[in-house]
């Protein structure tokens, strides 16, 4: 049979954003800039803190993710689109650049050096995701699109890049850009992104939630540790009630500190992207996923790997 694929097809690396490229969510990373810019109220900041706590405490499920999405979407009703773009442009380096660890940046750089396209895939709003994607030099973005009327967000969503919709968008983008999905790699932390991993030849689970960890063992997706910090590991060894209490207290203190700073006009110090953030997270040179490495060498098929995660902390 004649191979009818275009001769210039190339692999791509598809990266989920929240808790994959960055250790938090894009929406909550901008809470402080939006507060300073007059877009968020102090009460909304506290709601965002609670949503972020829920985001970190539990494995993602469709219902839980939808609740968090609804809470965060409700906050933007009536916001001026141009004002949001201005705040994001002015603050993206400080709000998110410091969250991009050297391990993550090095992993992205390795894909680029291998000639792979880099695509950020996120359920967060396109208006937030594109400036973040630019920080890592991404070639393309797949993200949710908010409904806009008269220059303001309505709170509704035109396209929600979540679950199976991510995979559909990836296939559409690959057809338009000439990406070879069979030779491509996808990275994510959540079981809700299983369709995203199924869409490519090489799936990598980053600090996976419980559901994705179990699924990875069955599907042979390679695990990779990027963001797990000492506090997270310590909490895993203490009783659940104690861990929850510690996280609730930490979140409350963070929210209180944020509000206090907003009242006094004190600005929080910003870590230098790609250096101090990596030291705070304890991250060093990342392990390049074995299957992605084989893809770089032109070997696009292999037997399933074991499920023991390699850690960049080792």
Protein backbone atom coordinates (compact mmCIF):
# COMPACT_ATOMS: atom_id res chain seq x y z
CA UNK A 1 0.00 0.00 0.00
CA UNK A 2 1.26 3.45 -0.86
CA UNK A 3 1.87 5.75 2.11
CA UNK A 4 -0.17 8.86 1.34
CA UNK A 5 1.00 10.87 4.35
CA UNK A 6 2.69 14.18 3.56
CA UNK A 7 6.47 13.74 3.63
CA UNK A 8 6.98 16.63 6.07
CA UNK A 9 4.96 15.24 8.99
CA UNK A 10 6.73 15.81 12.29
CA UNK A 11 6.12 14.75 15.89
CA UNK A 12 4.66 17.11 18.47
CA UNK A 13 4.79 17.28 22.25
CA UNK A 14 1.38 18.12 23.75
CA UNK A 15 1.53 19.52 27.28
CA UNK A 16 -1.41 19.94 29.61
CA UNK A 17 -0.96 23.18 31.57
CA UNK A 18 -2.44 23.01 35.08
CA UNK A 19 -0.40 20.74 37.39
CA UNK A 20 1.68 19.60 34.41
CA UNK A 21 3.63 22.53 32.97
CA UNK A 22 2.96 24.50 36.16
CA UNK A 23 2.25 23.10 39.65
CA UNK A 24 -0.98 25.08 40.10
CA UNK A 25 -3.79 26.33 37.86
CA UNK A 26 -3.48 29.21 35.40
CA UNK A 27 -6.64 30.88 36.69
CA UNK A 28 -5.54 31.03 40.32
CA UNK A 29 -1.98 32.03 39.37
CA UNK A 30 -3.43 35.33 38.16
CA UNK A 31 -5.50 35.96 41.32
CA UNK A 32 -3.03 38.49 42.76
CA UNK A 33 -2.63 40.49 39.50
CA UNK A 34 -6.40 40.53 38.99
CA UNK A 35 -6.88 41.77 42.56
CA UNK A 36 -4.30 44.51 42.10
CA UNK A 37 -5.85 45.40 38.75
CA UNK A 38 -9.29 45.87 40.28
CA UNK A 39 -10.83 42.88 38.50
CA UNK A 40 -11.22 40.65 41.57
CA UNK A 41 -12.71 41.50 44.93
CA UNK A 42 -11.20 40.25 48.19
CA UNK A 43 -14.17 37.91 48.60
CA UNK A 44 -13.51 36.48 45.14
CA UNK A 45 -9.87 35.89 46.09
CA UNK A 46 -11.01 33.79 49.04
CA UNK A 47 -13.32 31.81 46.76
CA UNK A 48 -10.43 31.27 44.36
CA UNK A 49 -8.28 30.05 47.27
CA UNK A 50 -10.94 27.52 48.24
CA UNK A 51 -11.24 26.38 44.63
CA UNK A 52 -7.47 25.99 44.42
CA UNK A 53 -7.44 23.97 47.65
CA UNK A 54 -10.04 21.61 46.22
CA UNK A 55 -8.02 21.44 43.01
CA UNK A 56 -4.93 20.25 44.91
CA UNK A 57 -6.57 17.98 47.47
CA UNK A 58 -8.45 15.57 45.24
CA UNK A 59 -8.05 13.61 42.06
CA UNK A 60 -9.83 15.20 39.12
CA UNK A 61 -13.28 13.95 38.21
CA UNK A 62 -15.69 15.42 35.70
CA UNK A 63 -18.07 16.67 38.41
CA UNK A 64 -15.32 18.12 40.60
CA UNK A 65 -13.58 19.83 37.69
CA UNK A 66 -16.89 21.25 36.49
CA UNK A 67 -17.58 22.77 39.92
CA UNK A 68 -14.18 24.44 40.03
CA UNK A 69 -14.62 25.66 36.44
CA UNK A 70 -18.06 27.08 37.23
CA UNK A 71 -16.74 28.91 40.30
CA UNK A 72 -13.88 30.48 38.39
CA UNK A 73 -15.99 31.29 35.30
CA UNK A 74 -18.58 33.08 37.42
CA UNK A 75 -15.89 35.46 38.65
CA UNK A 76 -15.20 36.89 35.18
CA UNK A 77 -18.76 37.91 34.25
CA UNK A 78 -18.67 41.51 33.03
CA UNK A 79 -14.89 41.78 32.89
CA UNK A 80 -13.53 43.99 30.11
CA UNK A 81 -11.59 41.79 27.67
CA UNK A 82 -9.00 44.45 26.83
CA UNK A 83 -8.37 45.17 30.52
CA UNK A 84 -7.84 41.47 31.22
CA UNK A 85 -5.39 41.21 28.32
CA UNK A 86 -3.46 44.20 29.66
CA UNK A 87 -3.23 42.79 33.19
CA UNK A 88 -2.19 39.36 31.91
CA UNK A 89 0.46 40.84 29.61
CA UNK A 90 1.95 42.93 32.41
CA UNK A 91 1.93 40.17 35.02
CA UNK A 92 2.44 36.85 33.23
CA UNK A 93 6.19 36.73 33.85
CA UNK A 94 5.83 37.36 37.58
CA UNK A 95 2.66 35.35 38.12
CA UNK A 96 3.54 32.29 36.05
CA UNK A 97 7.12 32.62 34.86
CA UNK A 98 8.38 31.84 38.36
CA UNK A 99 6.30 28.63 38.35
CA UNK A 100 8.05 27.26 35.26
CA UNK A 101 10.80 25.17 36.81
CA UNK A 102 14.13 24.43 35.15
CA UNK A 103 13.03 20.80 34.90
CA UNK A 104 9.96 21.74 32.86
CA UNK A 105 11.82 24.22 30.68
CA UNK A 106 14.56 21.68 30.01
CA UNK A 107 12.02 19.02 29.02
CA UNK A 108 10.36 21.42 26.58
CA UNK A 109 13.78 22.43 25.21
CA UNK A 110 14.68 18.79 24.56
CA UNK A 111 11.57 18.32 22.47
CA UNK A 112 12.32 21.46 20.50
CA UNK A 113 15.93 20.36 19.96
CA UNK A 114 14.59 17.07 18.58
CA UNK A 115 12.54 19.01 16.03
CA UNK A 116 9.20 18.44 17.73
CA UNK A 117 6.44 21.03 17.73
CA UNK A 118 5.35 22.09 21.23
CA UNK A 119 1.63 22.49 21.92
CA UNK A 120 0.02 23.64 25.19
CA UNK A 121 -3.40 22.06 25.75
CA UNK A 122 -5.55 23.48 28.54
CA UNK A 123 -9.11 23.81 29.74
CA UNK A 124 -8.20 27.30 30.98
CA UNK A 125 -9.16 30.36 28.94
CA UNK A 126 -7.24 31.03 25.75
CA UNK A 127 -6.66 34.59 26.98
CA UNK A 128 -4.63 33.21 29.89
CA UNK A 129 -3.02 30.24 28.18
CA UNK A 130 -1.48 31.96 25.13
CA UNK A 131 0.75 34.34 27.10
CA UNK A 132 1.89 31.41 29.27
CA UNK A 133 2.56 29.27 26.20
CA UNK A 134 4.70 32.08 24.81
CA UNK A 135 6.95 31.82 27.88
CA UNK A 136 7.91 28.26 26.90
CA UNK A 137 8.08 29.01 23.18
CA UNK A 138 5.09 26.86 22.25
CA UNK A 139 4.18 26.57 18.58
CA UNK A 140 0.44 26.13 19.11
CA UNK A 141 -2.25 26.42 21.78
CA UNK A 142 -5.47 24.51 22.38
CA UNK A 143 -7.56 26.20 25.07
CA UNK A 144 -11.10 27.09 26.09
CA UNK A 145 -12.70 30.16 24.55
CA UNK A 146 -14.93 32.41 26.64
CA UNK A 147 -18.05 34.04 25.19
CA UNK A 148 -17.64 37.79 24.66
CA UNK A 149 -20.39 40.37 24.09
CA UNK A 150 -19.75 44.10 23.72
CA UNK A 151 -16.13 43.61 24.74
CA UNK A 152 -16.99 41.84 28.01
CA UNK A 153 -17.06 38.23 29.18
CA UNK A 154 -20.54 36.81 29.73
CA UNK A 155 -19.37 33.87 31.86
CA UNK A 156 -20.42 31.39 29.16
CA UNK A 157 -17.96 29.29 27.18
CA UNK A 158 -17.85 28.93 23.38
CA UNK A 159 -15.44 25.99 23.45
CA UNK A 160 -14.46 23.97 26.51
CA UNK A 161 -11.13 22.20 25.96
CA UNK A 162 -11.78 19.39 28.40
CA UNK A 163 -11.73 15.59 28.29
CA UNK A 164 -12.55 14.16 24.83
CA UNK A 165 -12.70 17.70 23.38
CA UNK A 166 -8.94 17.99 23.89
CA UNK A 167 -8.32 14.90 21.77
CA UNK A 168 -10.67 16.10 19.03
CA UNK A 169 -8.89 19.47 18.93
CA UNK A 170 -5.49 17.75 18.86
CA UNK A 171 -6.48 15.65 15.84
CA UNK A 172 -7.84 18.71 14.06
CA UNK A 173 -4.67 20.69 14.78
CA UNK A 174 -2.47 17.79 13.66
CA UNK A 175 -4.33 17.57 10.35
CA UNK A 176 -3.88 21.30 9.74
CA UNK A 177 -0.26 21.57 10.89
CA UNK A 178 1.07 18.23 9.68
CA UNK A 179 1.80 16.66 13.07
CA UNK A 180 2.38 12.90 13.21
CA UNK A 181 0.28 11.87 16.22
CA UNK A 182 1.58 8.29 16.18
CA UNK A 183 5.09 9.66 16.78
CA UNK A 184 3.96 12.38 19.20
CA UNK A 185 4.05 12.57 23.00
CA UNK A 186 1.42 13.91 25.43
CA UNK A 187 1.93 14.90 29.06
CA UNK A 188 -0.80 15.29 31.69
CA UNK A 189 -1.55 14.75 35.38
CA UNK A 190 -5.26 13.89 35.31
CA UNK A 191 -7.37 10.86 34.46
CA UNK A 192 -9.82 13.20 32.74
CA UNK A 193 -7.13 13.68 30.08
CA UNK A 194 -6.96 9.98 29.15
CA UNK A 195 -8.35 10.79 25.66
CA UNK A 196 -5.44 13.18 25.19
CA UNK A 197 -2.96 10.39 25.94
CA UNK A 198 -4.85 7.95 23.74
CA UNK A 199 -4.57 10.37 20.81
CA UNK A 200 -0.78 10.04 20.57
CA UNK A 201 1.76 7.26 20.34
CA UNK A 202 3.56 8.09 23.58
CA UNK A 203 1.69 8.97 26.77
CA UNK A 204 3.46 10.33 29.86
CA UNK A 205 1.69 10.85 33.19
CA UNK A 206 3.13 13.71 35.25
CA UNK A 207 2.69 13.39 39.03
CA UNK A 208 -0.53 11.51 38.19
CA UNK A 209 -3.67 11.54 40.30
CA UNK A 210 -4.88 8.20 41.65
CA UNK A 211 -7.16 7.49 38.73
CA UNK A 212 -4.53 8.22 36.11
CA UNK A 213 -1.90 6.23 38.00
CA UNK A 214 -4.10 3.15 37.89
CA UNK A 215 -4.94 3.70 34.23
CA UNK A 216 -1.27 4.20 33.35
CA UNK A 217 -0.42 0.81 34.83
CA UNK A 218 -2.90 -0.79 32.44
CA UNK A 219 -2.11 1.28 29.35
CA UNK A 220 1.66 1.30 29.79
CA UNK A 221 1.94 5.08 29.98
CA UNK A 222 5.23 6.21 31.44
CA UNK A 223 5.15 8.07 34.79
CA UNK A 224 7.26 11.18 35.40
CA UNK A 225 7.71 13.23 38.59
CA UNK A 226 8.11 16.97 38.04
CA UNK A 227 6.34 18.95 40.74
CA UNK A 228 6.02 16.79 43.85
CA UNK A 229 7.47 18.84 46.67
CA UNK A 230 8.68 17.83 50.16
CA UNK A 231 5.46 19.12 51.80
CA UNK A 232 3.38 16.92 49.51
CA UNK A 233 5.44 13.86 50.35
CA UNK A 234 5.32 14.63 54.06
CA UNK A 235 1.55 15.05 54.02
CA UNK A 236 1.23 11.68 52.32
CA UNK A 237 2.66 10.07 55.46
CA UNK A 238 0.33 11.71 58.00
CA UNK A 239 -3.35 11.02 58.74
CA UNK A 240 -5.76 12.44 56.18
CA UNK A 241 -7.47 14.80 58.66
CA UNK A 242 -4.12 16.27 59.69
CA UNK A 243 -3.05 16.75 56.07
CA UNK A 244 -6.31 18.49 55.21
CA UNK A 245 -6.01 20.76 58.26
CA UNK A 246 -2.46 21.74 57.28
CA UNK A 247 -3.48 22.55 53.71
CA UNK A 248 -6.56 24.50 54.77
CA UNK A 249 -4.46 26.53 57.21
CA UNK A 250 -1.79 27.17 54.57
CA UNK A 251 -4.38 28.27 52.03
CA UNK A 252 -6.08 30.54 54.56
CA UNK A 253 -2.78 32.14 55.52
CA UNK A 254 -1.88 32.66 51.86
CA UNK A 255 -5.22 34.32 51.18
CA UNK A 256 -4.92 36.49 54.30
CA UNK A 257 -1.40 37.53 53.33
CA UNK A 258 -2.56 38.38 49.82
CA UNK A 259 -5.37 40.56 51.16
CA UNK A 260 -3.07 42.24 53.67
CA UNK A 261 -0.60 43.07 50.94
CA UNK A 262 -3.36 44.47 48.75
CA UNK A 263 -4.46 46.79 51.57
CA UNK A 264 -0.95 48.00 52.36
CA UNK A 265 0.24 48.25 48.77
CA UNK A 266 3.13 45.87 49.43
CA UNK A 267 4.01 43.78 46.41
CA UNK A 268 5.20 40.23 46.85
CA UNK A 269 8.73 39.48 45.70
CA UNK A 270 8.87 37.60 42.42
CA UNK A 271 11.28 34.72 41.86
CA UNK A 272 13.49 34.83 38.81
CA UNK A 273 12.00 32.47 36.25
CA UNK A 274 14.02 29.36 35.59
CA UNK A 275 16.28 29.71 38.66
CA UNK A 276 14.93 30.38 42.14
CA UNK A 277 11.62 28.68 41.36
CA UNK A 278 13.48 25.48 40.59
CA UNK A 279 15.37 25.64 43.88
CA UNK A 280 12.17 26.24 45.84
CA UNK A 281 10.59 23.20 44.17
CA UNK A 282 13.69 21.07 44.57
CA UNK A 283 13.80 20.34 40.83
CA UNK A 284 16.87 19.56 38.79
CA UNK A 285 17.46 18.12 35.34
CA UNK A 286 14.41 16.09 34.30
CA UNK A 287 14.42 12.56 33.02
CA UNK A 288 13.50 12.58 29.34
CA UNK A 289 10.70 9.99 29.03
CA UNK A 290 12.09 6.80 27.57
CA UNK A 291 9.47 6.45 24.87
CA UNK A 292 9.88 10.06 23.81
CA UNK A 293 13.63 9.44 23.66
CA UNK A 294 13.05 6.42 21.43
CA UNK A 295 10.80 8.56 19.23
CA UNK A 296 13.62 11.08 18.88
CA UNK A 297 15.84 8.24 17.66
CA UNK A 298 13.19 7.16 15.17
CA UNK A 299 11.91 4.15 17.13
CA UNK A 300 8.19 4.73 17.40
CA UNK A 301 7.13 1.37 18.84
CA UNK A 302 8.24 -0.47 21.94
CA UNK A 303 7.00 -2.89 24.51
CA UNK A 304 5.18 -1.38 27.53
CA UNK A 305 7.41 0.08 30.21
CA UNK A 306 7.17 -0.63 33.91
CA UNK A 307 5.11 1.74 36.00
CA UNK A 308 7.77 2.88 38.50
CA UNK A 309 8.13 6.62 38.13
CA UNK A 310 11.49 8.20 37.61
CA UNK A 311 11.88 11.33 39.70
CA UNK A 312 13.85 14.44 38.84
CA UNK A 313 14.68 14.58 42.56
CA UNK A 314 16.72 11.39 42.46
